[in-house]
């Protein structure tokens, strides 16, 4: 089995700097406030789970060592809660 060892975004480096530059620029031009590059991680994880991905696969793919940490990135919608009752 092959495991992913490379991060998509490193802590430092030209790619991350360029990504943050363009993200800031686009948000400023669109007058979007309080939206960080890291918010894409929350969206991705929520979309994976909502589209039926196995939670343990999501945990591994996102690099979270515990389900408790993964839970911080998953957002349950009001519609999901309402469908339970």
C-alpha atoms as a PDB file:
ATOM      1  CA  UNK A   1       0.000   0.000   0.000  1.00  0.00           C
ATOM      2  CA  UNK A   2       1.314   3.450  -0.922  1.00  0.00           C
ATOM      3  CA  UNK A   3       0.845   6.220   1.607  1.00  0.00           C
ATOM      4  CA  UNK A   4       0.891   9.894   0.788  1.00  0.00           C
ATOM      5  CA  UNK A   5       3.773  11.602   2.513  1.00  0.00           C
ATOM      6  CA  UNK A   6       3.858  14.966   0.777  1.00  0.00           C
ATOM      7  CA  UNK A   7       1.771  17.855   2.027  1.00  0.00           C
ATOM      8  CA  UNK A   8      -0.253  19.795  -0.487  1.00  0.00           C
ATOM      9  CA  UNK A   9       0.777  23.019   1.238  1.00  0.00           C
ATOM     10  CA  UNK A  10       4.092  23.177   3.029  1.00  0.00           C
ATOM     11  CA  UNK A  11       4.609  25.470   5.985  1.00  0.00           C
ATOM     12  CA  UNK A  12       6.950  27.603   3.922  1.00  0.00           C
ATOM     13  CA  UNK A  13       7.720  27.973   0.291  1.00  0.00           C
ATOM     14  CA  UNK A  14       6.934  29.866  -2.873  1.00  0.00           C
ATOM     15  CA  UNK A  15       3.728  27.978  -3.655  1.00  0.00           C
ATOM     16  CA  UNK A  16       2.153  28.722  -0.296  1.00  0.00           C
ATOM     17  CA  UNK A  17       3.245  32.356  -0.486  1.00  0.00           C
ATOM     18  CA  UNK A  18       1.711  32.714  -3.956  1.00  0.00           C
ATOM     19  CA  UNK A  19      -1.485  30.963  -2.867  1.00  0.00           C
ATOM     20  CA  UNK A  20      -1.887  33.245   0.137  1.00  0.00           C
ATOM     21  CA  UNK A  21      -1.111  36.314  -1.975  1.00  0.00           C
ATOM     22  CA  UNK A  22      -3.779  35.490  -4.585  1.00  0.00           C
ATOM     23  CA  UNK A  23      -6.288  34.364  -1.979  1.00  0.00           C
ATOM     24  CA  UNK A  24      -5.908  37.690  -0.143  1.00  0.00           C
ATOM     25  CA  UNK A  25      -6.117  39.650  -3.382  1.00  0.00           C
ATOM     26  CA  UNK A  26      -9.270  37.894  -4.621  1.00  0.00           C
ATOM     27  CA  UNK A  27     -10.990  38.172  -1.236  1.00  0.00           C
ATOM     28  CA  UNK A  28     -10.152  41.871  -1.019  1.00  0.00           C
ATOM     29  CA  UNK A  29     -11.476  42.548  -4.537  1.00  0.00           C
ATOM     30  CA  UNK A  30     -14.653  40.555  -3.841  1.00  0.00           C
ATOM     31  CA  UNK A  31     -15.028  42.292  -0.465  1.00  0.00           C
ATOM     32  CA  UNK A  32     -15.003  38.942   1.344  1.00  0.00           C
ATOM     33  CA  UNK A  33     -13.948  39.202   4.969  1.00  0.00           C
ATOM     34  CA  UNK A  34     -12.884  36.578   7.476  1.00  0.00           C
ATOM     35  CA  UNK A  35     -12.078  33.826   4.953  1.00  0.00           C
ATOM     36  CA  UNK A  36      -8.723  32.076   5.281  1.00  0.00           C
ATOM     37  CA  UNK A  37      -6.947  29.630   2.999  1.00  0.00           C
ATOM     38  CA  UNK A  38      -7.336  27.096   5.807  1.00  0.00           C
ATOM     39  CA  UNK A  39     -11.132  27.355   5.469  1.00  0.00           C
ATOM     40  CA  UNK A  40     -10.851  25.325   2.265  1.00  0.00           C
ATOM     41  CA  UNK A  41      -9.805  22.379   4.460  1.00  0.00           C
ATOM     42  CA  UNK A  42     -13.058  22.603   6.414  1.00  0.00           C
ATOM     43  CA  UNK A  43     -15.071  22.755   3.199  1.00  0.00           C
ATOM     44  CA  UNK A  44     -13.233  19.828   1.614  1.00  0.00           C
ATOM     45  CA  UNK A  45     -13.676  17.563   4.633  1.00  0.00           C
ATOM     46  CA  UNK A  46     -17.353  18.470   4.994  1.00  0.00           C
ATOM     47  CA  UNK A  47     -17.947  17.807   1.282  1.00  0.00           C
ATOM     48  CA  UNK A  48     -16.165  14.435   1.425  1.00  0.00           C
ATOM     49  CA  UNK A  49     -18.302  13.254   4.343  1.00  0.00           C
ATOM     50  CA  UNK A  50     -21.525  14.667   2.881  1.00  0.00           C
ATOM     51  CA  UNK A  51     -20.834  12.822  -0.363  1.00  0.00           C
ATOM     52  CA  UNK A  52     -20.533   9.496   1.430  1.00  0.00           C
ATOM     53  CA  UNK A  53     -16.801   9.101   1.976  1.00  0.00           C
ATOM     54  CA  UNK A  54     -15.850   6.706   4.753  1.00  0.00           C
ATOM     55  CA  UNK A  55     -14.947   8.737   7.843  1.00  0.00           C
ATOM     56  CA  UNK A  56     -11.770   6.730   8.415  1.00  0.00           C
ATOM     57  CA  UNK A  57     -10.633   7.332   4.838  1.00  0.00           C
ATOM     58  CA  UNK A  58     -11.313  11.057   5.317  1.00  0.00           C
ATOM     59  CA  UNK A  59      -9.330  10.973   8.559  1.00  0.00           C
ATOM     60  CA  UNK A  60      -6.342   9.394   6.813  1.00  0.00           C
ATOM     61  CA  UNK A  61      -6.556  11.622   3.728  1.00  0.00           C
ATOM     62  CA  UNK A  62      -6.744  14.772   5.828  1.00  0.00           C
ATOM     63  CA  UNK A  63      -3.885  13.702   8.082  1.00  0.00           C
ATOM     64  CA  UNK A  64      -5.816  13.802  11.343  1.00  0.00           C
ATOM     65  CA  UNK A  65      -4.512  11.384  13.944  1.00  0.00           C
ATOM     66  CA  UNK A  66      -7.769  11.229  15.879  1.00  0.00           C
ATOM     67  CA  UNK A  67     -11.468  11.402  15.072  1.00  0.00           C
ATOM     68  CA  UNK A  68     -11.758  14.133  17.703  1.00  0.00           C
ATOM     69  CA  UNK A  69      -9.471  16.374  15.650  1.00  0.00           C
ATOM     70  CA  UNK A  70     -11.267  15.506  12.414  1.00  0.00           C
ATOM     71  CA  UNK A  71     -14.552  16.446  14.075  1.00  0.00           C
ATOM     72  CA  UNK A  72     -13.299  20.033  14.430  1.00  0.00           C
ATOM     73  CA  UNK A  73     -13.234  20.276  10.627  1.00  0.00           C
ATOM     74  CA  UNK A  74     -16.602  18.738   9.828  1.00  0.00           C
ATOM     75  CA  UNK A  75     -19.645  21.000   9.850  1.00  0.00           C
ATOM     76  CA  UNK A  76     -23.098  19.523  10.403  1.00  0.00           C
ATOM     77  CA  UNK A  77     -25.759  21.591   8.634  1.00  0.00           C
ATOM     78  CA  UNK A  78     -29.151  22.537  10.038  1.00  0.00           C
ATOM     79  CA  UNK A  79     -30.758  20.528   7.219  1.00  0.00           C
ATOM     80  CA  UNK A  80     -28.881  17.389   8.306  1.00  0.00           C
ATOM     81  CA  UNK A  81     -30.063  17.827  11.879  1.00  0.00           C
ATOM     82  CA  UNK A  82     -33.659  18.438  10.776  1.00  0.00           C
ATOM     83  CA  UNK A  83     -33.647  15.306   8.617  1.00  0.00           C
ATOM     84  CA  UNK A  84     -32.910  13.256  11.738  1.00  0.00           C
ATOM     85  CA  UNK A  85     -36.211  14.174  13.399  1.00  0.00           C
END
